[in-house]
Each structure stands twice: as C-alpha cells, then as structure tokens.
Amino acid sequence: MMQAKRFSRGVKSLWLAGCLIAAGCSKKAEPAPQTEPAPQLPTAGSDSAPPPAPPPLESAAPGTPPAPAQGSATPEDPKNREWTAGDMKQKRADLQMVTLRSVRAARNEGFDRVVFEFDGTQVPGYQLEYVDKPIIKCGSGDPTEVAGQSWLQVSLTPAQAHEGPQVTVTERERKPGLPVIQELELTCDFEGEVTWVLGNAHPNKYRVMELHEPTRLVVDVQH
C-alpha cells in the first residue's frame, strides 16, 4: 500500500516536471524592439529636391514711364507744340556746343515754316519771343533793320553758326517772300548763342517742334 502511494507521487512529479519542460519549450522568445533608422542627409550629386527659388522681383506698375537715363538731355516739352503768341523756353545748359548747318524757309498749308538744322543728335536749348524795335546785333550792339510789323526772336544755346573763322550758314539775311515771314536775319553768333529774328507781317501765333535724323528745330508761324 505504501509502495503504491510512493509510485503515485513519483508519477505525479514526473508529470509536473514534464509539463514545466513542455511549457518552457513551447514559449517563443519575443523579438528585440527595432529602432527607426536615422534620416540620411542629402549629399552632393544626389537626386534630392533643390531649395525653393526666391520670389521674383516686383515689376513696375503698368503705365509707369521708364526712368530717364543718367546724363541724357532734357526731352522736348510737349507744350511747345501748341500754338501760342507768348514766350517759349527750353533750357539745355548742360549740352555740348552744337553747330547750326542750315536754315530753310517755305510755305505750307496754313502756316510758314522755318527749319534750323544742326550737327549731332540733340537740339540745343531755345527761347522764342516777340520783341520790339530796335533789333540789335549782339556783337557790335548796333541796331539793324528787319522787315515786317512784328519780330519773332529765336535764340539757340549752346550753339554756333561757325567753325573757327569759317561760317557754316553763309546767307545771314534773306527775304523768302512768304505770306507771313517777310525776312530772316541772323543777329547773334557769339559765345555759344545763335539768334535769328523772323520779321513777320503780323504777330501771329507760332509753334515749335524738335525733329531728328537729321536734327532740326522747326518754327511754324500761322497765316
């Protein structure tokens, strides 16, 4: 009887030991936790995206006129193209001396025209005004007779009508026989100033235009 109990206990011990061994064998080992790989910095020559481009510069507002180039001459005043009987002035003191090459006069539909043509690319400064007698020669200070009943004086500066001792406009007094302009006379060619006087039949309105290729100053006097 005692041997049977001992045998039974031994069987139970073996059975428990077997269960423990079996449980230990059946349990799986848990995998070690994995860590995220560190991000790789792009290297030179890689296919990484380029940095964003800077935003474009703002453009000038539509209709904004361009800034004038430095050192450029003063542009023509558009008001000078309007008909007037008053004084008119356009200063260009910073220009180099320009040379007057020719003076022409002709009749047009509704007005007489005088054209002053210059060397270079820029018309000199000018001043126009009706003056009273006596008409004075600037060099000598002597009065001179100019036909007509009104006298439109055209002063150009800085300008000259000579090169050294040689004059560039030989005919300095002329009577073109036009409806309004009865005579043209050069009254000054001295120290960078050239002045012509237009002897008109009446103090009619006039206008001025600057033209180029070739460089010209145009004076129109209404009929």
Protein backbone atom coordinates (compact mmCIF):
# COMPACT_ATOMS: atom_id res chain seq x y z
CA MET A 1 0.00 0.00 0.00
CA MET A 2 2.78 2.34 0.92
CA GLN A 3 4.68 1.44 -2.24
CA ALA A 4 1.62 2.21 -4.34
CA LYS A 5 1.36 5.76 -2.85
CA ARG A 6 5.06 6.35 -3.40
CA PHE A 7 4.69 5.21 -7.02
CA SER A 8 1.71 7.51 -7.50
CA ARG A 9 3.63 10.52 -6.10
CA GLY A 10 6.57 9.75 -8.35
CA VAL A 11 4.32 9.62 -11.38
CA LYS A 12 2.81 13.00 -10.45
CA SER A 13 6.25 14.54 -10.01
CA LEU A 14 7.35 13.27 -13.38
CA TRP A 15 4.11 14.55 -14.90
CA LEU A 16 4.60 18.04 -13.38
CA ALA A 17 8.20 18.14 -14.47
CA GLY A 18 7.17 17.21 -17.99
CA CYS A 19 4.54 19.92 -18.08
CA LEU A 20 7.03 22.54 -16.96
CA ILE A 21 9.55 21.42 -19.54
CA ALA A 22 6.87 21.39 -22.27
CA ALA A 23 5.62 24.87 -21.29
CA GLY A 24 9.13 26.25 -21.35
CA CYS A 25 9.79 24.75 -24.77
CA SER A 26 6.54 25.97 -26.29
CA LYS A 27 7.07 29.64 -25.22
CA LYS A 28 8.55 31.70 -28.08
CA ALA A 29 11.21 34.32 -27.46
CA GLU A 30 9.96 37.87 -28.06
CA PRO A 31 11.90 39.74 -30.76
CA ALA A 32 14.09 42.65 -29.66
CA PRO A 33 12.50 46.08 -30.26
CA GLN A 34 13.58 47.68 -33.53
CA THR A 35 14.55 51.35 -33.73
CA GLU A 36 13.88 53.77 -36.64
CA PRO A 37 16.96 54.35 -38.82
CA ALA A 38 18.37 57.87 -38.62
CA PRO A 39 17.41 60.01 -41.64
CA GLN A 40 20.23 60.43 -44.17
CA LEU A 41 21.29 63.96 -45.17
CA PRO A 42 21.41 64.58 -48.94
CA THR A 43 24.90 64.50 -50.35
CA ALA A 44 26.34 66.46 -53.28
CA GLY A 45 25.20 65.00 -56.57
CA SER A 46 22.18 63.23 -55.04
CA ASP A 47 18.66 63.41 -56.53
CA SER A 48 17.30 65.40 -53.61
CA ALA A 49 14.97 68.30 -54.49
CA PRO A 50 16.74 71.71 -54.90
CA PRO A 51 15.94 74.53 -52.46
CA PRO A 52 12.98 76.73 -53.49
CA ALA A 53 13.84 79.66 -55.77
CA PRO A 54 13.50 83.20 -54.36
CA PRO A 55 10.32 85.07 -55.36
CA PRO A 56 10.60 87.26 -58.50
CA LEU A 57 11.21 90.97 -58.09
CA GLU A 58 8.17 93.19 -58.39
CA SER A 59 7.79 94.85 -61.76
CA ALA A 60 6.85 98.49 -62.22
CA ALA A 61 3.16 99.25 -62.24
CA PRO A 62 1.55 99.25 -65.71
CA GLY A 63 1.83 102.60 -67.39
CA THR A 64 4.79 103.77 -65.30
CA PRO A 65 7.20 105.64 -67.58
CA PRO A 66 10.80 104.42 -67.52
CA ALA A 67 13.31 106.45 -65.58
CA PRO A 68 15.44 108.68 -67.84
CA ALA A 69 19.00 107.54 -68.42
CA GLN A 70 21.60 109.39 -66.43
CA GLY A 71 23.30 112.15 -68.34
CA SER A 72 20.61 112.27 -71.03
CA ALA A 73 19.44 115.63 -72.36
CA THR A 74 16.16 117.24 -71.33
CA PRO A 75 13.35 115.94 -73.56
CA GLU A 76 11.15 118.21 -75.62
CA ASP A 77 8.34 119.96 -73.77
CA PRO A 78 5.11 118.78 -75.50
CA LYS A 79 3.50 122.14 -74.68
CA ASN A 80 5.86 123.78 -77.17
CA ARG A 81 3.94 122.10 -79.98
CA GLU A 82 0.85 124.12 -79.12
CA TRP A 83 0.12 127.36 -80.97
CA THR A 84 0.97 130.42 -78.87
CA ALA A 85 1.84 134.11 -79.17
CA GLY A 86 3.62 134.20 -75.82
CA ASP A 87 7.17 133.41 -74.80
CA MET A 88 8.56 129.90 -75.05
CA LYS A 89 11.70 128.50 -73.42
CA GLN A 90 13.54 125.15 -73.32
CA LYS A 91 16.83 125.17 -71.38
CA ARG A 92 19.68 122.75 -72.12
CA ALA A 93 22.68 124.33 -70.42
CA ASP A 94 24.49 121.01 -69.83
CA LEU A 95 24.78 120.12 -73.52
CA GLN A 96 27.96 120.41 -75.52
CA MET A 97 28.10 123.01 -78.24
CA VAL A 98 26.11 122.17 -81.39
CA THR A 99 26.71 123.67 -84.82
CA LEU A 100 23.99 125.17 -86.97
CA ARG A 101 24.39 123.85 -90.52
CA SER A 102 21.49 125.31 -92.48
CA VAL A 103 18.36 127.46 -92.28
CA ARG A 104 15.43 126.88 -94.65
CA ALA A 105 12.07 128.61 -95.03
CA ALA A 106 8.98 127.55 -97.01
CA ARG A 107 5.23 128.00 -97.26
CA ASN A 108 2.89 125.25 -96.04
CA GLU A 109 -0.88 124.91 -95.92
CA GLY A 110 -1.97 127.37 -93.21
CA PHE A 111 1.49 128.40 -91.98
CA ASP A 112 5.04 129.41 -92.93
CA ARG A 113 7.85 127.14 -91.74
CA VAL A 114 11.49 127.80 -90.80
CA VAL A 115 13.82 124.83 -90.25
CA PHE A 116 17.10 125.07 -88.33
CA GLU A 117 19.32 122.01 -88.90
CA PHE A 118 22.20 121.03 -86.58
CA ASP A 119 25.09 118.61 -86.31
CA GLY A 120 24.83 115.83 -83.73
CA THR A 121 21.78 114.19 -82.22
CA GLN A 122 20.43 116.84 -79.84
CA VAL A 123 18.60 120.10 -80.47
CA PRO A 124 20.10 122.92 -78.36
CA GLY A 125 18.12 124.92 -75.86
CA TYR A 126 15.89 127.62 -77.33
CA GLN A 127 13.89 130.68 -76.41
CA LEU A 128 11.27 132.36 -78.62
CA GLU A 129 9.55 135.68 -78.02
CA TYR A 130 8.14 138.63 -79.91
CA VAL A 131 10.41 141.64 -79.41
CA ASP A 132 10.14 145.36 -80.13
CA LYS A 133 12.43 147.53 -82.19
CA PRO A 134 15.24 148.32 -82.34
CA ILE A 135 16.67 144.93 -83.30
CA ILE A 136 20.25 144.84 -82.00
CA LYS A 137 23.28 142.94 -83.31
CA CYS A 138 24.81 141.20 -80.29
CA GLY A 139 28.46 141.52 -81.35
CA SER A 140 28.54 145.22 -82.24
CA GLY A 141 25.49 146.45 -80.34
CA ASP A 142 24.35 148.29 -83.44
CA PRO A 143 20.67 148.35 -84.48
CA THR A 144 19.66 146.59 -87.68
CA GLU A 145 16.57 146.86 -89.85
CA VAL A 146 14.35 143.78 -90.23
CA ALA A 147 11.24 143.90 -92.44
CA GLY A 148 7.75 143.29 -91.07
CA GLN A 149 5.43 144.67 -88.41
CA SER A 150 6.30 142.14 -85.67
CA TRP A 151 9.55 140.37 -84.88
CA LEU A 152 9.83 136.83 -83.54
CA GLN A 153 13.26 136.29 -81.99
CA VAL A 154 14.66 132.73 -81.90
CA SER A 155 17.66 132.27 -79.57
CA LEU A 156 19.62 128.97 -79.59
CA THR A 157 22.11 127.94 -76.91
CA PRO A 158 24.63 126.36 -76.63
CA ALA A 159 25.07 126.74 -80.37
CA GLN A 160 27.29 128.31 -83.00
CA ALA A 161 26.98 129.13 -86.70
CA HIS A 162 30.71 128.96 -87.44
CA GLU A 163 33.73 126.67 -87.13
CA GLY A 164 36.81 128.73 -86.41
CA PRO A 165 36.84 131.64 -88.84
CA GLN A 166 34.58 129.79 -91.30
CA VAL A 167 30.82 130.45 -91.10
CA THR A 168 28.51 127.44 -91.54
CA VAL A 169 25.49 129.48 -92.69
CA THR A 170 26.60 131.98 -95.30
CA GLU A 171 23.25 133.62 -96.12
CA ARG A 172 22.58 135.55 -92.91
CA GLU A 173 19.94 137.94 -94.23
CA ARG A 174 17.21 136.63 -96.52
CA LYS A 175 13.76 137.63 -97.75
CA PRO A 176 11.87 134.42 -98.55
CA GLY A 177 8.73 136.16 -99.86
CA LEU A 178 6.29 134.10 -97.75
CA PRO A 179 2.74 135.14 -96.77
CA VAL A 180 3.73 135.97 -93.17
CA ILE A 181 7.52 135.72 -92.80
CA GLN A 182 8.95 138.64 -94.76
CA GLU A 183 12.58 138.44 -93.65
CA LEU A 184 15.01 136.28 -91.62
CA GLU A 185 18.20 137.76 -90.17
CA LEU A 186 20.99 136.33 -88.03
CA THR A 187 21.60 138.88 -85.28
CA CYS A 188 23.93 136.91 -82.98
CA ASP A 189 26.62 134.22 -83.28
CA PHE A 190 28.70 134.84 -80.21
CA GLU A 191 29.86 132.96 -77.08
CA GLY A 192 27.64 129.92 -77.58
CA GLU A 193 24.49 131.79 -78.61
CA VAL A 194 22.90 131.95 -82.07
CA THR A 195 19.92 134.28 -82.61
CA TRP A 196 17.69 134.71 -85.62
CA VAL A 197 14.88 137.25 -85.96
CA LEU A 198 11.83 136.45 -88.09
CA GLY A 199 10.27 139.64 -89.45
CA ASN A 200 6.53 138.81 -89.71
CA ALA A 201 3.66 140.72 -91.28
CA HIS A 202 1.62 140.24 -88.09
CA PRO A 203 2.31 138.89 -84.55
CA ASN A 204 0.64 135.61 -85.44
CA LYS A 205 0.71 132.53 -83.25
CA TYR A 206 3.60 130.10 -83.68
CA ARG A 207 4.65 126.63 -82.54
CA VAL A 208 7.93 124.72 -82.17
CA MET A 209 8.82 121.09 -82.93
CA GLU A 210 12.00 119.07 -82.48
CA LEU A 211 12.78 116.58 -85.26
CA HIS A 212 15.60 114.07 -85.67
CA GLU A 213 17.58 112.24 -88.35
CA PRO A 214 18.70 114.88 -89.16
CA THR A 215 18.47 117.02 -86.01
CA ARG A 216 16.17 120.01 -86.60
CA LEU A 217 14.24 122.70 -84.78
CA VAL A 218 11.07 123.68 -86.68
CA VAL A 219 9.26 127.00 -86.17
CA ASP A 220 5.81 127.36 -87.76
CA VAL A 221 4.02 130.75 -87.94
CA GLN A 222 0.28 130.75 -88.69
CA HIS A 223 -1.10 132.60 -91.72
